[in-house]
Amino acid sequence: FDRTSELREEFNEFASNRLKRGGNCHRSDIVRAFRRYFAKYRREDSEQYPLSNMEIEGLLREWNSVNTLAEITSTGFYNGLSINEQADAFR
């Protein structure tokens, strides 16, 4: 199995269900939302499913460069991208 491809697919699923255009949010908020969305990644130091915050941020940057093109500030805010909080209510 190809871990990188699997992570990209999972991030794409998360993004299509939980991210929306408009507004703004910080990359740490998106990392937390991703970890809530996929319970197996809840803990960064999980022995079975280890995944660092930096890896998630990399997936976010890659996804943003292809899909949203939100502006990223030097402090880590994504202008033009936000978390769809309403979608979280049903998980």
Protein backbone atom coordinates (compact mmCIF):
# COMPACT_ATOMS: atom_id res chain seq x y z
CA PHE A 1 0.00 0.00 0.00
CA ASP A 2 1.15 3.51 -0.80
CA ARG A 3 0.85 5.66 2.32
CA THR A 4 1.24 8.95 0.45
CA SER A 5 -1.59 8.15 -1.98
CA GLU A 6 -3.81 6.99 0.88
CA LEU A 7 -3.17 10.17 2.85
CA ARG A 8 -3.94 12.32 -0.20
CA GLU A 9 -7.23 10.46 -0.74
CA GLU A 10 -8.15 10.84 2.91
CA PHE A 11 -7.30 14.54 2.89
CA ASN A 12 -9.37 15.02 -0.27
CA GLU A 13 -12.34 13.31 1.42
CA PHE A 14 -11.91 15.50 4.51
CA ALA A 15 -11.57 18.65 2.42
CA SER A 16 -14.65 17.97 0.31
CA ASN A 17 -16.73 17.34 3.45
CA ARG A 18 -15.29 19.84 5.90
CA LEU A 19 -13.58 22.74 4.10
CA LYS A 20 -15.31 25.54 2.24
CA ARG A 21 -14.27 28.55 0.24
CA GLY A 22 -14.47 31.93 1.87
CA GLY A 23 -13.61 33.22 5.29
CA ASN A 24 -10.31 32.37 6.90
CA CYS A 25 -8.82 29.97 9.40
CA HIS A 26 -5.46 28.96 10.80
CA ARG A 27 -3.62 25.85 9.66
CA SER A 28 -3.71 24.47 13.22
CA ASP A 29 -7.54 24.60 13.13
CA ILE A 30 -7.51 22.55 9.93
CA VAL A 31 -5.08 20.03 11.43
CA ARG A 32 -7.37 19.62 14.48
CA ALA A 33 -10.43 19.24 12.25
CA PHE A 34 -8.64 16.59 10.16
CA ARG A 35 -7.74 14.65 13.30
CA ARG A 36 -11.37 14.83 14.50
CA TYR A 37 -12.60 13.69 11.10
CA PHE A 38 -10.36 10.60 11.03
CA ALA A 39 -10.37 9.02 14.48
CA LYS A 40 -7.38 6.83 13.61
CA TYR A 41 -5.25 9.99 13.40
CA ARG A 42 -6.51 11.57 16.64
CA ARG A 43 -3.13 11.12 18.30
CA GLU A 44 -0.01 12.34 16.55
CA ASP A 45 2.08 9.70 18.34
CA SER A 46 -0.19 6.74 17.57
CA GLU A 47 1.81 3.56 17.07
CA GLN A 48 -0.65 2.12 14.54
CA TYR A 49 -1.34 5.32 12.55
CA PRO A 50 1.46 7.84 13.19
CA LEU A 51 0.91 11.15 11.41
CA SER A 52 2.64 14.40 12.31
CA ASN A 53 1.04 17.82 12.21
CA MET A 54 3.68 18.81 9.64
CA GLU A 55 2.55 15.98 7.35
CA ILE A 56 -1.06 17.16 7.59
CA GLU A 57 0.03 20.73 6.89
CA GLY A 58 1.89 19.45 3.83
CA LEU A 59 -1.27 17.72 2.60
CA LEU A 60 -3.16 20.97 3.16
CA ARG A 61 -0.60 23.04 1.21
CA GLU A 62 -0.64 20.54 -1.65
CA TRP A 63 -4.45 20.39 -1.72
CA ASN A 64 -4.73 24.20 -1.55
CA SER A 65 -2.31 24.67 -4.46
CA VAL A 66 -4.53 22.55 -6.69
CA ASN A 67 -8.05 23.20 -5.41
CA THR A 68 -8.55 26.48 -3.59
CA LEU A 69 -5.59 28.78 -4.06
CA ALA A 70 -6.36 30.47 -0.76
CA GLU A 71 -3.77 33.01 0.27
CA ILE A 72 -1.52 31.77 3.06
CA THR A 73 -0.18 34.40 5.44
CA SER A 74 3.23 34.24 7.10
CA THR A 75 1.48 33.48 10.40
CA GLY A 76 -0.31 30.42 9.02
CA PHE A 77 -3.75 31.79 8.20
CA TYR A 78 -5.56 30.70 5.06
CA ASN A 79 -7.53 33.64 3.65
CA GLY A 80 -10.31 32.35 1.42
CA LEU A 81 -10.70 28.98 3.14
CA SER A 82 -12.60 27.98 6.26
CA ILE A 83 -13.90 24.97 8.13
CA ASN A 84 -17.54 24.09 7.55
CA GLU A 85 -18.63 23.91 11.20
CA GLN A 86 -22.15 22.79 10.25
CA ALA A 87 -20.74 19.61 8.71
CA ASP A 88 -19.03 18.79 12.02
CA ALA A 89 -22.36 18.62 13.84
CA PHE A 90 -23.25 15.39 12.07
CA ARG A 91 -20.04 13.44 12.78
